[in-house]
PDB file of all heavy atoms in Angstrom:
ATOM      1  N   ALA A   1       0.859  -1.180   0.000  1.00  0.00           N
ATOM      2  CA  ALA A   1       0.000   0.000   0.000  1.00  0.00           C
ATOM      3  C   ALA A   1       0.893   1.226   0.000  1.00  0.00           C
ATOM      4  O   ALA A   1       1.670   1.434   0.931  1.00  0.00           O
ATOM      5  CB  ALA A   1      -0.926  -0.001   1.217  1.00  0.00           C
ATOM      6  N   ALA A   2       0.791   2.006  -1.064  1.00  0.00           N
ATOM      7  CA  ALA A   2       1.662   3.175  -1.221  1.00  0.00           C
ATOM      8  C   ALA A   2       0.948   4.187  -2.097  1.00  0.00           C
ATOM      9  O   ALA A   2      -0.248   4.053  -2.378  1.00  0.00           O
ATOM     10  CB  ALA A   2       3.001   2.750  -1.835  1.00  0.00           C
ATOM     11  N   GLY A   3       1.686   5.181  -2.561  1.00  0.00           N
ATOM     12  CA  GLY A   3       1.112   6.171  -3.441  1.00  0.00           C
ATOM     13  C   GLY A   3       0.765   5.588  -4.800  1.00  0.00           C
ATOM     14  O   GLY A   3       1.279   4.530  -5.203  1.00  0.00           O
ATOM     15  N   LEU A   4      -0.113   6.265  -5.516  1.00  0.00           N
ATOM     16  CA  LEU A   4      -0.530   5.808  -6.843  1.00  0.00           C
ATOM     17  C   LEU A   4       0.661   5.669  -7.790  1.00  0.00           C
ATOM     18  O   LEU A   4       0.735   4.716  -8.572  1.00  0.00           O
ATOM     19  CB  LEU A   4      -1.547   6.795  -7.415  1.00  0.00           C
ATOM     20  CG  LEU A   4      -2.015   6.547  -8.850  1.00  0.00           C
ATOM     21  CD1 LEU A   4      -2.817   5.257  -8.938  1.00  0.00           C
ATOM     22  CD2 LEU A   4      -2.847   7.726  -9.351  1.00  0.00           C
ATOM     23  N   ALA A   5       1.612   6.597  -7.740  1.00  0.00           N
ATOM     24  CA  ALA A   5       2.733   6.590  -8.680  1.00  0.00           C
ATOM     25  C   ALA A   5       3.614   5.344  -8.555  1.00  0.00           C
ATOM     26  O   ALA A   5       3.968   4.748  -9.581  1.00  0.00           O
ATOM     27  CB  ALA A   5       3.561   7.856  -8.516  1.00  0.00           C
ATOM     28  N   PRO A   6       4.006   4.904  -7.349  1.00  0.00           N
ATOM     29  CA  PRO A   6       4.786   3.671  -7.263  1.00  0.00           C
ATOM     30  C   PRO A   6       4.046   2.460  -7.832  1.00  0.00           C
ATOM     31  O   PRO A   6       4.655   1.589  -8.457  1.00  0.00           O
ATOM     32  CB  PRO A   6       5.023   3.519  -5.755  1.00  0.00           C
ATOM     33  CG  PRO A   6       4.949   4.895  -5.218  1.00  0.00           C
ATOM     34  CD  PRO A   6       3.918   5.588  -6.051  1.00  0.00           C
ATOM     35  N   MET A   7       2.726   2.409  -7.629  1.00  0.00           N
ATOM     36  CA  MET A   7       1.955   1.303  -8.191  1.00  0.00           C
ATOM     37  C   MET A   7       1.977   1.354  -9.721  1.00  0.00           C
ATOM     38  O   MET A   7       2.187   0.337 -10.386  1.00  0.00           O
ATOM     39  CB  MET A   7       0.513   1.343  -7.677  1.00  0.00           C
ATOM     40  CG  MET A   7      -0.342   0.155  -8.130  1.00  0.00           C
ATOM     41  SD  MET A   7      -1.116   0.349  -9.748  1.00  0.00           S
ATOM     42  CE  MET A   7      -2.473   1.460  -9.337  1.00  0.00           C
ATOM     43  N   LEU A   8       1.769   2.556 -10.286  1.00  0.00           N
ATOM     44  CA  LEU A   8       1.782   2.690 -11.742  1.00  0.00           C
ATOM     45  C   LEU A   8       3.146   2.305 -12.317  1.00  0.00           C
ATOM     46  O   LEU A   8       3.225   1.665 -13.376  1.00  0.00           O
ATOM     47  CB  LEU A   8       1.427   4.125 -12.134  1.00  0.00           C
ATOM     48  CG  LEU A   8      -0.046   4.516 -12.005  1.00  0.00           C
ATOM     49  CD1 LEU A   8      -0.212   6.022 -12.163  1.00  0.00           C
ATOM     50  CD2 LEU A   8      -0.896   3.774 -13.030  1.00  0.00           C
ATOM     51  N   THR A   9       4.203   2.689 -11.630  1.00  0.00           N
ATOM     52  CA  THR A   9       5.554   2.343 -12.078  1.00  0.00           C
ATOM     53  C   THR A   9       5.737   0.835 -12.130  1.00  0.00           C
ATOM     54  O   THR A   9       6.273   0.283 -13.104  1.00  0.00           O
ATOM     55  CB  THR A   9       6.597   2.975 -11.143  1.00  0.00           C
ATOM     56  OG1 THR A   9       6.433   4.391 -11.124  1.00  0.00           O
ATOM     57  CG2 THR A   9       8.004   2.635 -11.588  1.00  0.00           C
ATOM     58  N   LEU A  10       5.272   0.150 -11.099  1.00  0.00           N
ATOM     59  CA  LEU A  10       5.418  -1.301 -11.044  1.00  0.00           C
ATOM     60  C   LEU A  10       4.488  -1.986 -12.036  1.00  0.00           C
ATOM     61  O   LEU A  10       4.857  -2.992 -12.647  1.00  0.00           O
ATOM     62  CB  LEU A  10       5.142  -1.795  -9.615  1.00  0.00           C
ATOM     63  CG  LEU A  10       5.816  -3.105  -9.214  1.00  0.00           C
ATOM     64  CD1 LEU A  10       7.305  -3.066  -9.481  1.00  0.00           C
ATOM     65  CD2 LEU A  10       5.564  -3.399  -7.745  1.00  0.00           C
ATOM     66  N   TRP A  11       3.277  -1.456 -12.215  1.00  0.00           N
ATOM     67  CA  TRP A  11       2.366  -1.979 -13.239  1.00  0.00           C
ATOM     68  C   TRP A  11       3.045  -1.947 -14.606  1.00  0.00           C
ATOM     69  O   TRP A  11       2.987  -2.921 -15.374  1.00  0.00           O
ATOM     70  CB  TRP A  11       1.086  -1.146 -13.269  1.00  0.00           C
ATOM     71  CG  TRP A  11       0.276  -1.320 -14.524  1.00  0.00           C
ATOM     72  CD1 TRP A  11      -0.531  -2.382 -14.842  1.00  0.00           C
ATOM     73  CD2 TRP A  11       0.225  -0.418 -15.644  1.00  0.00           C
ATOM     74  NE1 TRP A  11      -1.092  -2.189 -16.091  1.00  0.00           N
ATOM     75  CE2 TRP A  11      -0.645  -0.993 -16.603  1.00  0.00           C
ATOM     76  CE3 TRP A  11       0.803   0.815 -15.922  1.00  0.00           C
ATOM     77  CZ2 TRP A  11      -0.933  -0.376 -17.824  1.00  0.00           C
ATOM     78  CZ3 TRP A  11       0.524   1.435 -17.131  1.00  0.00           C
ATOM     79  CH2 TRP A  11      -0.329   0.834 -18.059  1.00  0.00           C
ATOM     80  N   ASP A  12       3.698  -0.852 -14.902  1.00  0.00           N
ATOM     81  CA  ASP A  12       4.351  -0.669 -16.198  1.00  0.00           C
ATOM     82  C   ASP A  12       5.519  -1.630 -16.377  1.00  0.00           C
ATOM     83  O   ASP A  12       5.646  -2.283 -17.422  1.00  0.00           O
ATOM     84  CB  ASP A  12       4.829   0.779 -16.302  1.00  0.00           C
ATOM     85  CG  ASP A  12       5.444   1.105 -17.649  1.00  0.00           C
ATOM     86  OD1 ASP A  12       4.776   0.903 -18.674  1.00  0.00           O
ATOM     87  OD2 ASP A  12       6.606   1.565 -17.680  1.00  0.00           O
ATOM     88  N   LYS A  13       6.347  -1.753 -15.351  1.00  0.00           N
ATOM     89  CA  LYS A  13       7.572  -2.546 -15.474  1.00  0.00           C
ATOM     90  C   LYS A  13       7.340  -4.047 -15.335  1.00  0.00           C
ATOM     91  O   LYS A  13       8.142  -4.849 -15.817  1.00  0.00           O
ATOM     92  CB  LYS A  13       8.589  -2.089 -14.416  1.00  0.00           C
ATOM     93  CG  LYS A  13       9.126  -0.685 -14.665  1.00  0.00           C
ATOM     94  CD  LYS A  13      10.153  -0.290 -13.612  1.00  0.00           C
ATOM     95  CE  LYS A  13      10.732   1.081 -13.901  1.00  0.00           C
ATOM     96  NZ  LYS A  13      11.721   1.497 -12.879  1.00  0.00           N
ATOM     97  N   SER A  14       6.249  -4.435 -14.674  1.00  0.00           N
ATOM     98  CA  SER A  14       6.058  -5.858 -14.358  1.00  0.00           C
ATOM     99  C   SER A  14       5.008  -6.535 -15.224  1.00  0.00           C
ATOM    100  O   SER A  14       4.662  -7.697 -14.988  1.00  0.00           O
ATOM    101  CB  SER A  14       5.640  -6.003 -12.892  1.00  0.00           C
ATOM    102  OG  SER A  14       4.284  -5.610 -12.714  1.00  0.00           O
ATOM    103  N   ALA A  15       4.501  -5.826 -16.221  1.00  0.00           N
ATOM    104  CA  ALA A  15       3.350  -6.322 -16.984  1.00  0.00           C
ATOM    105  C   ALA A  15       3.572  -7.724 -17.553  1.00  0.00           C
ATOM    106  O   ALA A  15       2.678  -8.574 -17.494  1.00  0.00           O
ATOM    107  CB  ALA A  15       3.015  -5.343 -18.101  1.00  0.00           C
ATOM    108  N   LYS A  16       4.757  -7.994 -18.085  1.00  0.00           N
ATOM    109  CA  LYS A  16       5.001  -9.275 -18.753  1.00  0.00           C
ATOM    110  C   LYS A  16       5.405 -10.389 -17.794  1.00  0.00           C
ATOM    111  O   LYS A  16       5.352 -11.566 -18.159  1.00  0.00           O
ATOM    112  CB  LYS A  16       6.088  -9.097 -19.819  1.00  0.00           C
ATOM    113  CG  LYS A  16       5.672  -8.195 -20.970  1.00  0.00           C
ATOM    114  CD  LYS A  16       6.781  -8.071 -21.999  1.00  0.00           C
ATOM    115  CE  LYS A  16       6.360  -7.172 -23.148  1.00  0.00           C
ATOM    116  NZ  LYS A  16       7.441  -7.008 -24.165  1.00  0.00           N
ATOM    117  N   VAL A  17       5.803 -10.044 -16.578  1.00  0.00           N
ATOM    118  CA  VAL A  17       6.306 -11.055 -15.648  1.00  0.00           C
ATOM    119  C   VAL A  17       5.382 -11.242 -14.451  1.00  0.00           C
ATOM    120  O   VAL A  17       4.919 -12.362 -14.174  1.00  0.00           O
ATOM    121  CB  VAL A  17       7.729 -10.691 -15.156  1.00  0.00           C
ATOM    122  CG1 VAL A  17       8.257 -11.772 -14.221  1.00  0.00           C
ATOM    123  CG2 VAL A  17       8.673 -10.505 -16.333  1.00  0.00           C
ATOM    124  N   TYR A  18       5.091 -10.166 -13.734  1.00  0.00           N
ATOM    125  CA  TYR A  18       4.336 -10.275 -12.489  1.00  0.00           C
ATOM    126  C   TYR A  18       2.896  -9.761 -12.583  1.00  0.00           C
ATOM    127  O   TYR A  18       2.064 -10.117 -11.758  1.00  0.00           O
ATOM    128  CB  TYR A  18       5.054  -9.515 -11.367  1.00  0.00           C
ATOM    129  CG  TYR A  18       6.419 -10.059 -11.055  1.00  0.00           C
ATOM    130  CD1 TYR A  18       7.564  -9.291 -11.260  1.00  0.00           C
ATOM    131  CD2 TYR A  18       6.578 -11.348 -10.551  1.00  0.00           C
ATOM    132  CE1 TYR A  18       8.828  -9.788 -10.967  1.00  0.00           C
ATOM    133  CE2 TYR A  18       7.828 -11.856 -10.251  1.00  0.00           C
ATOM    134  CZ  TYR A  18       8.953 -11.062 -10.467  1.00  0.00           C
ATOM    135  OH  TYR A  18      10.188 -11.556 -10.172  1.00  0.00           O
ATOM    136  N   GLY A  19       2.615  -8.912 -13.542  1.00  0.00           N
ATOM    137  CA  GLY A  19       1.259  -8.406 -13.709  1.00  0.00           C
ATOM    138  C   GLY A  19       0.728  -7.658 -12.498  1.00  0.00           C
ATOM    139  O   GLY A  19      -0.424  -7.838 -12.101  1.00  0.00           O
ATOM    140  N   VAL A  20       1.548  -6.803 -11.918  1.00  0.00           N
ATOM    141  CA  VAL A  20       1.119  -6.038 -10.746  1.00  0.00           C
ATOM    142  C   VAL A  20       0.039  -5.030 -11.147  1.00  0.00           C
ATOM    143  O   VAL A  20       0.174  -4.318 -12.146  1.00  0.00           O
ATOM    144  CB  VAL A  20       2.309  -5.299 -10.099  1.00  0.00           C
ATOM    145  CG1 VAL A  20       1.831  -4.343  -9.010  1.00  0.00           C
ATOM    146  CG2 VAL A  20       3.301  -6.301  -9.527  1.00  0.00           C
ATOM    147  N   LYS A  21      -1.039  -4.987 -10.356  1.00  0.00           N
ATOM    148  CA  LYS A  21      -2.111  -4.006 -10.561  1.00  0.00           C
ATOM    149  C   LYS A  21      -2.680  -3.594  -9.205  1.00  0.00           C
ATOM    150  O   LYS A  21      -2.387  -4.211  -8.175  1.00  0.00           O
ATOM    151  CB  LYS A  21      -3.237  -4.594 -11.421  1.00  0.00           C
ATOM    152  CG  LYS A  21      -2.880  -4.864 -12.864  1.00  0.00           C
ATOM    153  CD  LYS A  21      -4.109  -5.346 -13.634  1.00  0.00           C
ATOM    154  CE  LYS A  21      -3.793  -5.646 -15.078  1.00  0.00           C
ATOM    155  NZ  LYS A  21      -5.005  -6.070 -15.842  1.00  0.00           N
ATOM    156  N   GLY A  22      -3.533  -2.589  -9.251  1.00  0.00           N
ATOM    157  CA  GLY A  22      -4.173  -2.128  -8.032  1.00  0.00           C
ATOM    158  C   GLY A  22      -5.291  -3.053  -7.595  1.00  0.00           C
ATOM    159  O   GLY A  22      -6.081  -3.523  -8.419  1.00  0.00           O
ATOM    160  N   LEU A  23      -5.339  -3.319  -6.288  1.00  0.00           N
ATOM    161  CA  LEU A  23      -6.480  -4.022  -5.703  1.00  0.00           C
ATOM    162  C   LEU A  23      -7.601  -3.038  -5.422  1.00  0.00           C
ATOM    163  O   LEU A  23      -8.783  -3.324  -5.651  1.00  0.00           O
ATOM    164  CB  LEU A  23      -6.063  -4.695  -4.393  1.00  0.00           C
ATOM    165  CG  LEU A  23      -5.308  -6.007  -4.442  1.00  0.00           C
ATOM    166  CD1 LEU A  23      -4.856  -6.392  -3.041  1.00  0.00           C
ATOM    167  CD2 LEU A  23      -6.168  -7.102  -5.045  1.00  0.00           C
ATOM    168  N   SER A  24      -7.222  -1.882  -4.902  1.00  0.00           N
ATOM    169  CA  SER A  24      -8.208  -0.869  -4.533  1.00  0.00           C
ATOM    170  C   SER A  24      -7.511   0.463  -4.337  1.00  0.00           C
ATOM    171  O   SER A  24      -6.302   0.511  -4.094  1.00  0.00           O
ATOM    172  CB  SER A  24      -8.915  -1.258  -3.233  1.00  0.00           C
ATOM    173  OG  SER A  24      -7.980  -1.280  -2.157  1.00  0.00           O
ATOM    174  N   ALA A  25      -8.278   1.539  -4.436  1.00  0.00           N
ATOM    175  CA  ALA A  25      -7.804   2.833  -3.963  1.00  0.00           C
ATOM    176  C   ALA A  25      -8.024   2.875  -2.458  1.00  0.00           C
ATOM    177  O   ALA A  25      -8.818   2.103  -1.921  1.00  0.00           O
ATOM    178  CB  ALA A  25      -8.558   3.960  -4.653  1.00  0.00           C
ATOM    179  N   ILE A  26      -7.303   3.748  -1.771  1.00  0.00           N
ATOM    180  CA  ILE A  26      -7.449   3.856  -0.321  1.00  0.00           C
ATOM    181  C   ILE A  26      -7.889   5.260   0.082  1.00  0.00           C
ATOM    182  O   ILE A  26      -8.862   5.439   0.809  1.00  0.00           O
ATOM    183  CB  ILE A  26      -6.136   3.505   0.404  1.00  0.00           C
ATOM    184  CG1 ILE A  26      -5.704   2.066   0.070  1.00  0.00           C
ATOM    185  CG2 ILE A  26      -6.310   3.645   1.922  1.00  0.00           C
ATOM    186  CD1 ILE A  26      -4.334   1.693   0.615  1.00  0.00           C
ATOM    187  N   ASN A  27      -7.185   6.259  -0.432  1.00  0.00           N
ATOM    188  CA  ASN A  27      -7.400   7.608   0.083  1.00  0.00           C
ATOM    189  C   ASN A  27      -7.192   8.665  -0.994  1.00  0.00           C
ATOM    190  O   ASN A  27      -6.309   8.530  -1.847  1.00  0.00           O
ATOM    191  CB  ASN A  27      -6.429   7.861   1.249  1.00  0.00           C
ATOM    192  CG  ASN A  27      -6.371   9.310   1.682  1.00  0.00           C
ATOM    193  OD1 ASN A  27      -5.424  10.011   1.370  1.00  0.00           O
ATOM    194  ND2 ASN A  27      -7.391   9.754   2.401  1.00  0.00           N
ATOM    195  N   ALA A  28      -8.014   9.701  -0.968  1.00  0.00           N
ATOM    196  CA  ALA A  28      -7.791  10.910  -1.769  1.00  0.00           C
ATOM    197  C   ALA A  28      -7.640  12.062  -0.799  1.00  0.00           C
ATOM    198  O   ALA A  28      -8.548  12.339  -0.013  1.00  0.00           O
ATOM    199  CB  ALA A  28      -8.961  11.148  -2.715  1.00  0.00           C
TER     200      ALA A  28
END
């Protein structure tokens, strides 16, 4: 659980191997 940007970075880099995505938003 972290900021949106670290998740987007990992989503981008891990798409072909780990497929990281968001489970849910937490806070605005």
